[in-house]
Amino acid sequence: MANSTSSAKTVAGSNSDLPAVSGIVESLNEPMLGLLLDRIILAAFVIDRHHVVRHWNSAMEQLSGLHRDEIIGTKDHWRPFYKAPRPCMADLMLDGQISDIEHYYEGKYKPSNLIADAYDAEDFFPECGEQGEWLHFSAASITNPAGEVIGAIETLSVISDRKKAEFALLERERIYRELSITDNLTNLYNSRYFYQRLDEALANARRYQHPFCLCFFDLDNFKQLNDRFGHIVGDKVLETFGSMVRASLRTTDTGYRYGGEEFVVLLPSTDLAEACVVAERIRQSLEHHRFPVREGEKIGITVSLGLTEYHVCDTAESIMQRVDEALYNAKRSGKNQLQTL
């Protein structure tokens, strides 16, 4: 965490080796303050009560690529960070506009753990460096011995490597979570995740009286397909059907490989008539598709569907039993069709 100087009194009280700091900061152009700041490894700059830069240390020169002679005496301390003039955190501390910190750094700042009237923040600055940098920065007002605000100090450090490592870890965790709930052949969600989402759909339906529908799919005569043409062809059929399901769903719908050649689709905020449209779209997509099985030979595959709508007081067991019965009716009635219950 970056070190910040909130006031002469605070600094002097926190470090007995700096008894003269209160005298140094009383005049912001005091040369000794510049010497002191140049001994700090963190990038730092100081502005006076008129927002004019009075100090721009060596680390700040290295971070910004701007020599102190270009900045001191100006109000251009925004230049390393932004395309156009706007307040830095030090400016907001100087003006005492704490509410503006929320405006400019919403969700990116917090009160300092070390200094009562200072703030820490992290943000990405696309204008900083060649490809942008993540910076941790702290700002605090500077007061004279009488307690009058005479300026503000801001310290900054580059944290791009740490943020990249954090993002890489988050991405690995996201991929792991995705893999743990996804069927790797069809790229649909797996049955374990289905039961989690079904419980959520039931809870939302009970609480908000939202309808939802559940649709079960079973590929017709799939065992015979595998026995005749082999599992490579069977896997290709499953993979293709998974793609058809994903392509046919709306943004709020989710598809799952329930097991083997069985699939399920969860359609939230959907009544039975709307769900029939989605289910029929999937059935017809498969019915019209032809799968190459041998050189010069293609075959068609069909699917039977059972569809049901949430009923008040449904449980996971009751709605699953009902949709399974609807699917059985479709199979018994000749296959390649949709039955509702």
Protein backbone atom coordinates (compact mmCIF):
# COMPACT_ATOMS: atom_id res chain seq x y z
CA MET A 1 0.00 0.00 0.00
CA ALA A 2 1.30 3.44 -0.89
CA ASN A 3 2.41 5.71 1.96
CA SER A 4 0.66 9.06 2.15
CA THR A 5 1.26 12.23 4.20
CA SER A 6 -2.02 13.57 5.47
CA SER A 7 -0.66 16.42 7.51
CA ALA A 8 2.50 17.71 9.13
CA LYS A 9 1.12 16.80 12.52
CA THR A 10 0.27 13.25 11.50
CA VAL A 11 3.64 12.55 9.89
CA ALA A 12 5.62 14.01 12.73
CA GLY A 13 3.60 12.06 15.26
CA SER A 14 4.00 8.78 13.40
CA ASN A 15 7.79 8.90 12.96
CA SER A 16 10.07 10.42 15.57
CA ASP A 17 12.92 10.53 13.03
CA LEU A 18 11.15 13.34 11.12
CA PRO A 19 10.74 16.12 13.69
CA ALA A 20 11.31 18.87 11.15
CA VAL A 21 8.61 17.83 8.66
CA SER A 22 6.04 20.25 10.04
CA GLY A 23 8.41 23.09 9.34
CA ILE A 24 9.19 21.78 5.88
CA VAL A 25 5.62 21.45 4.69
CA GLU A 26 4.61 24.86 5.99
CA SER A 27 6.09 26.26 2.80
CA LEU A 28 5.40 23.92 -0.11
CA ASN A 29 8.29 25.21 -2.23
CA GLU A 30 10.81 24.45 0.53
CA PRO A 31 13.79 22.78 -1.22
CA MET A 32 14.19 20.27 1.60
CA LEU A 33 10.74 18.86 0.85
CA GLY A 34 11.86 18.18 -2.69
CA LEU A 35 14.98 16.43 -1.39
CA LEU A 36 12.85 14.42 1.01
CA LEU A 37 10.40 13.33 -1.69
CA ASP A 38 13.25 12.29 -3.97
CA ARG A 39 14.29 9.79 -1.30
CA ILE A 40 10.87 8.12 -1.55
CA ILE A 41 10.79 5.13 -3.90
CA LEU A 42 7.10 5.75 -4.67
CA ALA A 43 6.11 8.22 -7.36
CA ALA A 44 4.80 11.34 -5.62
CA PHE A 45 3.72 14.88 -6.38
CA VAL A 46 2.58 17.80 -4.24
CA ILE A 47 0.16 20.57 -5.20
CA ASP A 48 -0.45 23.80 -3.33
CA ARG A 49 -3.78 25.29 -2.34
CA HIS A 50 -4.19 26.69 -5.89
CA HIS A 51 -3.67 23.23 -7.45
CA VAL A 52 -0.27 24.24 -8.79
CA VAL A 53 2.38 21.51 -8.78
CA ARG A 54 5.14 22.34 -6.31
CA HIS A 55 7.00 19.02 -6.22
CA TRP A 56 7.38 16.16 -8.71
CA ASN A 57 9.81 13.58 -7.44
CA SER A 58 12.27 11.40 -9.36
CA ALA A 59 10.06 8.32 -9.20
CA MET A 60 7.21 10.42 -10.61
CA GLU A 61 9.44 11.49 -13.48
CA GLN A 62 10.18 7.85 -14.26
CA LEU A 63 6.52 6.81 -14.03
CA SER A 64 5.18 9.68 -16.11
CA GLY A 65 8.01 10.25 -18.54
CA LEU A 66 7.70 13.97 -17.72
CA HIS A 67 10.60 15.88 -16.21
CA ARG A 68 9.80 18.03 -13.20
CA ASP A 69 10.79 21.15 -15.14
CA GLU A 70 7.81 20.51 -17.45
CA ILE A 71 5.30 20.15 -14.62
CA ILE A 72 6.33 22.18 -11.58
CA GLY A 73 4.58 25.55 -11.62
CA THR A 74 1.72 24.21 -13.80
CA LYS A 75 -1.60 22.51 -13.17
CA ASP A 76 -0.73 19.73 -15.59
CA HIS A 77 -0.34 16.87 -13.11
CA TRP A 78 -3.25 15.13 -14.89
CA ARG A 79 -1.21 14.65 -18.07
CA PRO A 80 0.33 11.19 -17.31
CA PHE A 81 -3.10 9.76 -16.55
CA TYR A 82 -5.82 11.33 -18.70
CA LYS A 83 -6.41 12.57 -22.25
CA ALA A 84 -7.94 15.83 -21.06
CA PRO A 85 -7.77 17.89 -17.86
CA ARG A 86 -9.70 16.41 -14.93
CA PRO A 87 -9.12 16.27 -11.17
CA CYS A 88 -6.67 13.84 -9.69
CA MET A 89 -7.40 12.46 -6.25
CA ALA A 90 -5.05 15.05 -4.71
CA ASP A 91 -7.23 17.81 -6.18
CA LEU A 92 -10.32 16.30 -4.59
CA MET A 93 -8.59 16.04 -1.22
CA LEU A 94 -7.46 19.65 -1.48
CA ASP A 95 -10.97 20.89 -2.23
CA GLY A 96 -12.48 18.70 0.46
CA GLN A 97 -15.01 17.34 -2.07
CA ILE A 98 -15.15 13.82 -0.69
CA SER A 99 -18.39 13.12 -2.55
CA ASP A 100 -16.54 13.70 -5.82
CA ILE A 101 -14.21 10.81 -5.00
CA GLU A 102 -17.19 8.49 -5.34
CA HIS A 103 -18.07 10.13 -8.65
CA TYR A 104 -14.63 9.70 -10.16
CA TYR A 105 -13.53 6.47 -8.48
CA GLU A 106 -16.76 4.57 -7.78
CA GLY A 107 -15.99 1.08 -6.54
CA LYS A 108 -12.25 1.69 -6.81
CA TYR A 109 -11.34 3.52 -3.60
CA LYS A 110 -11.45 3.13 0.16
CA PRO A 111 -10.38 5.15 3.22
CA SER A 112 -6.74 4.65 4.10
CA ASN A 113 -6.01 2.20 6.90
CA LEU A 114 -3.03 4.32 7.98
CA ILE A 115 -4.22 7.92 7.83
CA ALA A 116 -7.67 9.03 8.91
CA ASP A 117 -8.21 11.70 6.25
CA ALA A 118 -6.54 9.93 3.31
CA TYR A 119 -7.87 7.63 0.60
CA ASP A 120 -6.41 4.71 -1.36
CA ALA A 121 -7.53 3.63 -4.81
CA GLU A 122 -6.67 1.32 -7.68
CA ASP A 123 -7.48 1.97 -11.32
CA PHE A 124 -6.31 1.32 -14.86
CA PHE A 125 -4.89 4.31 -16.73
CA PRO A 126 -4.74 3.70 -20.49
CA GLU A 127 -2.75 6.90 -21.05
CA CYS A 128 0.01 5.90 -18.62
CA GLY A 129 3.00 4.20 -20.24
CA GLU A 130 3.04 2.57 -23.64
CA GLN A 131 0.14 0.17 -23.10
CA GLY A 132 -1.50 1.61 -20.01
CA GLU A 133 -0.80 0.75 -16.38
CA TRP A 134 -2.67 -0.34 -13.30
CA LEU A 135 -1.80 2.02 -10.46
CA HIS A 136 -2.32 2.02 -6.74
CA PHE A 137 -2.50 5.60 -5.49
CA SER A 138 -3.09 7.41 -2.22
CA ALA A 139 -3.85 11.06 -1.55
CA ALA A 140 -4.12 13.23 1.53
CA SER A 141 -4.35 16.89 2.33
CA ILE A 142 -1.38 18.74 3.84
CA THR A 143 -2.00 21.18 6.69
CA ASN A 144 0.20 23.71 8.41
CA PRO A 145 0.65 23.72 12.21
CA ALA A 146 -2.49 25.89 12.49
CA GLY A 147 -4.54 23.14 10.80
CA GLU A 148 -5.09 25.08 7.58
CA VAL A 149 -5.05 23.07 4.35
CA ILE A 150 -2.13 24.33 2.30
CA GLY A 151 -1.87 21.56 -0.30
CA ALA A 152 -2.18 17.88 -1.02
CA ILE A 153 0.15 15.00 -1.74
CA GLU A 154 -0.45 11.97 -3.94
CA THR A 155 1.73 8.87 -4.12
CA LEU A 156 1.48 6.21 -6.82
CA SER A 157 2.87 2.76 -7.55
CA VAL A 158 2.56 0.48 -10.59
CA ILE A 159 0.66 -2.74 -9.81
CA SER A 160 0.14 -4.01 -13.37
CA ASP A 161 2.00 -7.28 -12.78
CA ARG A 162 -0.08 -8.02 -9.69
CA LYS A 163 -3.35 -7.22 -11.49
CA LYS A 164 -2.38 -9.40 -14.43
CA ALA A 165 -1.69 -12.27 -12.04
CA GLU A 166 -5.04 -11.69 -10.34
CA PHE A 167 -6.87 -11.65 -13.67
CA ALA A 168 -5.07 -14.80 -14.80
CA LEU A 169 -6.12 -16.54 -11.58
CA LEU A 170 -9.72 -15.40 -12.01
CA GLU A 171 -9.71 -16.65 -15.61
CA ARG A 172 -8.34 -20.04 -14.53
CA GLU A 173 -11.01 -20.25 -11.84
CA ARG A 174 -13.69 -19.29 -14.38
CA ILE A 175 -12.49 -21.97 -16.79
CA TYR A 176 -12.41 -24.56 -14.01
CA ARG A 177 -15.93 -23.66 -12.90
CA GLU A 178 -17.13 -23.79 -16.50
CA LEU A 179 -15.54 -27.18 -17.06
CA SER A 180 -17.01 -28.54 -13.84
CA ILE A 181 -20.55 -27.80 -15.00
CA THR A 182 -20.16 -28.46 -18.75
CA ASP A 183 -20.43 -31.64 -20.79
CA ASN A 184 -17.28 -31.68 -22.89
CA LEU A 185 -18.85 -33.46 -25.89
CA THR A 186 -21.91 -31.26 -26.45
CA ASN A 187 -20.75 -28.08 -24.67
CA LEU A 188 -24.10 -28.03 -22.91
CA TYR A 189 -24.30 -27.91 -19.13
CA ASN A 190 -24.23 -31.22 -17.27
CA SER A 191 -26.93 -32.85 -15.16
CA ARG A 192 -25.39 -31.79 -11.84
CA TYR A 193 -25.69 -28.15 -12.83
CA PHE A 194 -29.20 -28.79 -14.17
CA TYR A 195 -30.51 -29.75 -10.73
CA GLN A 196 -28.95 -26.61 -9.24
CA ARG A 197 -30.65 -24.41 -11.82
CA LEU A 198 -33.94 -26.31 -11.49
CA ASP A 199 -33.98 -25.59 -7.75
CA GLU A 200 -33.34 -21.90 -8.50
CA ALA A 201 -36.16 -21.84 -11.07
CA LEU A 202 -38.56 -23.43 -8.60
CA ALA A 203 -37.60 -20.94 -5.88
CA ASN A 204 -38.12 -17.98 -8.24
CA ALA A 205 -41.45 -19.34 -9.45
CA ARG A 206 -42.72 -19.71 -5.89
CA ARG A 207 -41.49 -16.30 -4.79
CA TYR A 208 -42.35 -14.18 -7.83
CA GLN A 209 -45.10 -16.27 -9.46
CA HIS A 210 -43.05 -16.50 -12.64
CA PRO A 211 -43.89 -19.34 -15.05
CA PHE A 212 -41.23 -21.63 -16.42
CA CYS A 213 -41.19 -24.74 -18.56
CA LEU A 214 -39.12 -27.88 -18.65
CA CYS A 215 -38.50 -29.87 -21.84
CA PHE A 216 -36.92 -33.32 -22.08
CA PHE A 217 -35.42 -34.72 -25.29
CA ASP A 218 -34.51 -38.31 -26.10
CA LEU A 219 -32.84 -39.16 -29.41
CA ASP A 220 -34.85 -41.86 -31.16
CA ASN A 221 -33.27 -45.27 -31.80
CA PHE A 222 -29.86 -44.04 -30.65
CA LYS A 223 -28.66 -47.46 -29.41
CA GLN A 224 -29.31 -48.96 -32.83
CA LEU A 225 -27.37 -46.09 -34.41
CA ASN A 226 -24.35 -46.84 -32.22
CA ASP A 227 -24.59 -50.57 -32.84
CA ARG A 228 -24.79 -50.11 -36.60
CA PHE A 229 -22.36 -47.27 -37.27
CA GLY A 230 -20.18 -47.14 -34.17
CA HIS A 231 -19.64 -44.69 -31.33
CA ILE A 232 -17.70 -42.20 -33.44
CA VAL A 233 -20.83 -41.54 -35.49
CA GLY A 234 -22.92 -41.58 -32.31
CA ASP A 235 -20.69 -38.98 -30.69
CA LYS A 236 -20.91 -36.79 -33.80
CA VAL A 237 -24.73 -36.95 -33.58
CA LEU A 238 -24.64 -35.94 -29.90
CA GLU A 239 -22.19 -33.12 -30.60
CA THR A 240 -24.27 -31.80 -33.50
CA PHE A 241 -27.50 -32.00 -31.55
CA GLY A 242 -25.88 -30.08 -28.72
CA SER A 243 -25.02 -27.33 -31.20
CA MET A 244 -28.60 -27.29 -32.48
CA VAL A 245 -29.94 -26.93 -28.94
CA ARG A 246 -27.59 -24.02 -28.17
CA ALA A 247 -28.44 -22.30 -31.47
CA SER A 248 -32.18 -22.60 -30.86
CA LEU A 249 -32.29 -21.23 -27.33
CA ARG A 250 -32.98 -17.68 -26.29
CA THR A 251 -30.60 -15.75 -24.06
CA THR A 252 -32.42 -16.69 -20.86
CA ASP A 253 -32.82 -20.40 -21.73
CA THR A 254 -30.30 -23.05 -20.74
CA GLY A 255 -29.62 -26.48 -22.22
CA TYR A 256 -28.19 -29.58 -20.53
CA ARG A 257 -27.01 -33.04 -21.47
CA TYR A 258 -28.90 -35.06 -18.92
CA GLY A 259 -27.12 -38.31 -19.71
CA GLY A 260 -26.40 -40.53 -22.69
CA GLU A 261 -28.77 -39.44 -25.46
CA GLU A 262 -31.09 -37.52 -23.12
CA PHE A 263 -31.18 -33.73 -23.01
CA VAL A 264 -33.14 -31.15 -21.08
CA VAL A 265 -33.91 -27.48 -21.63
CA LEU A 266 -34.98 -25.06 -18.91
CA LEU A 267 -37.07 -22.13 -20.14
CA PRO A 268 -37.60 -19.47 -17.44
CA SER A 269 -40.41 -16.89 -17.61
CA THR A 270 -41.99 -18.94 -20.39
CA ASP A 271 -45.50 -20.33 -20.70
CA LEU A 272 -46.40 -23.59 -22.40
CA ALA A 273 -47.25 -22.04 -25.77
CA GLU A 274 -43.95 -20.17 -25.98
CA ALA A 275 -42.02 -23.25 -24.88
CA CYS A 276 -43.64 -25.33 -27.62
CA VAL A 277 -42.23 -22.95 -30.23
CA VAL A 278 -38.70 -23.38 -28.89
CA ALA A 279 -39.03 -27.15 -28.54
CA GLU A 280 -40.44 -27.58 -32.05
CA ARG A 281 -37.64 -25.47 -33.47
CA ILE A 282 -35.09 -27.87 -31.99
CA ARG A 283 -37.02 -30.98 -33.13
CA GLN A 284 -37.32 -29.73 -36.69
CA SER A 285 -33.66 -28.72 -36.87
CA LEU A 286 -32.64 -32.29 -36.14
CA GLU A 287 -35.31 -33.84 -38.36
CA HIS A 288 -34.07 -31.91 -41.41
CA HIS A 289 -30.38 -32.63 -40.78
CA ARG A 290 -28.51 -35.46 -42.50
CA PHE A 291 -25.48 -37.12 -40.93
CA PRO A 292 -22.74 -38.68 -43.07
CA VAL A 293 -22.08 -42.21 -41.80
CA ARG A 294 -20.20 -43.83 -44.64
CA GLU A 295 -18.80 -42.66 -47.94
CA GLY A 296 -21.77 -41.46 -49.98
CA GLU A 297 -24.29 -42.40 -47.28
CA LYS A 298 -26.19 -40.04 -45.00
CA ILE A 299 -28.90 -40.76 -42.47
CA GLY A 300 -31.51 -38.80 -40.58
CA ILE A 301 -32.04 -38.82 -36.81
CA THR A 302 -35.15 -37.77 -34.91
CA VAL A 303 -35.89 -36.84 -31.31
CA SER A 304 -38.91 -37.23 -29.03
CA LEU A 305 -39.83 -34.46 -26.61
CA GLY A 306 -41.77 -34.14 -23.39
CA LEU A 307 -42.75 -30.68 -22.18
CA THR A 308 -44.39 -29.44 -19.01
CA GLU A 309 -45.07 -26.14 -17.29
CA TYR A 310 -44.50 -25.31 -13.63
CA HIS A 311 -47.53 -25.90 -11.43
CA VAL A 312 -48.06 -24.20 -8.09
CA CYS A 313 -46.57 -26.31 -5.27
CA ASP A 314 -44.36 -28.26 -7.71
CA THR A 315 -41.20 -29.81 -6.34
CA ALA A 316 -38.20 -30.97 -8.33
CA GLU A 317 -39.49 -34.54 -8.04
CA SER A 318 -43.04 -33.73 -9.19
CA ILE A 319 -42.07 -31.66 -12.21
CA MET A 320 -39.44 -34.21 -13.25
CA GLN A 321 -41.96 -37.02 -12.98
CA ARG A 322 -44.45 -35.09 -15.12
CA VAL A 323 -42.01 -34.19 -17.88
CA ASP A 324 -40.71 -37.76 -17.93
CA GLU A 325 -44.25 -39.02 -18.42
CA ALA A 326 -44.78 -36.55 -21.27
CA LEU A 327 -41.61 -37.84 -22.93
CA TYR A 328 -42.79 -41.42 -22.51
CA ASN A 329 -46.07 -40.49 -24.21
CA ALA A 330 -44.13 -39.06 -27.16
CA LYS A 331 -42.10 -42.26 -27.49
CA ARG A 332 -45.18 -44.47 -27.19
CA SER A 333 -47.12 -42.40 -29.76
CA GLY A 334 -44.63 -42.95 -32.56
CA LYS A 335 -41.55 -40.84 -31.68
CA ASN A 336 -40.29 -37.71 -33.44
CA GLN A 337 -42.95 -35.61 -31.77
CA LEU A 338 -43.67 -33.29 -28.86
CA GLN A 339 -46.09 -34.22 -26.09
CA THR A 340 -47.12 -31.86 -23.28
CA LEU A 341 -48.45 -32.61 -19.86
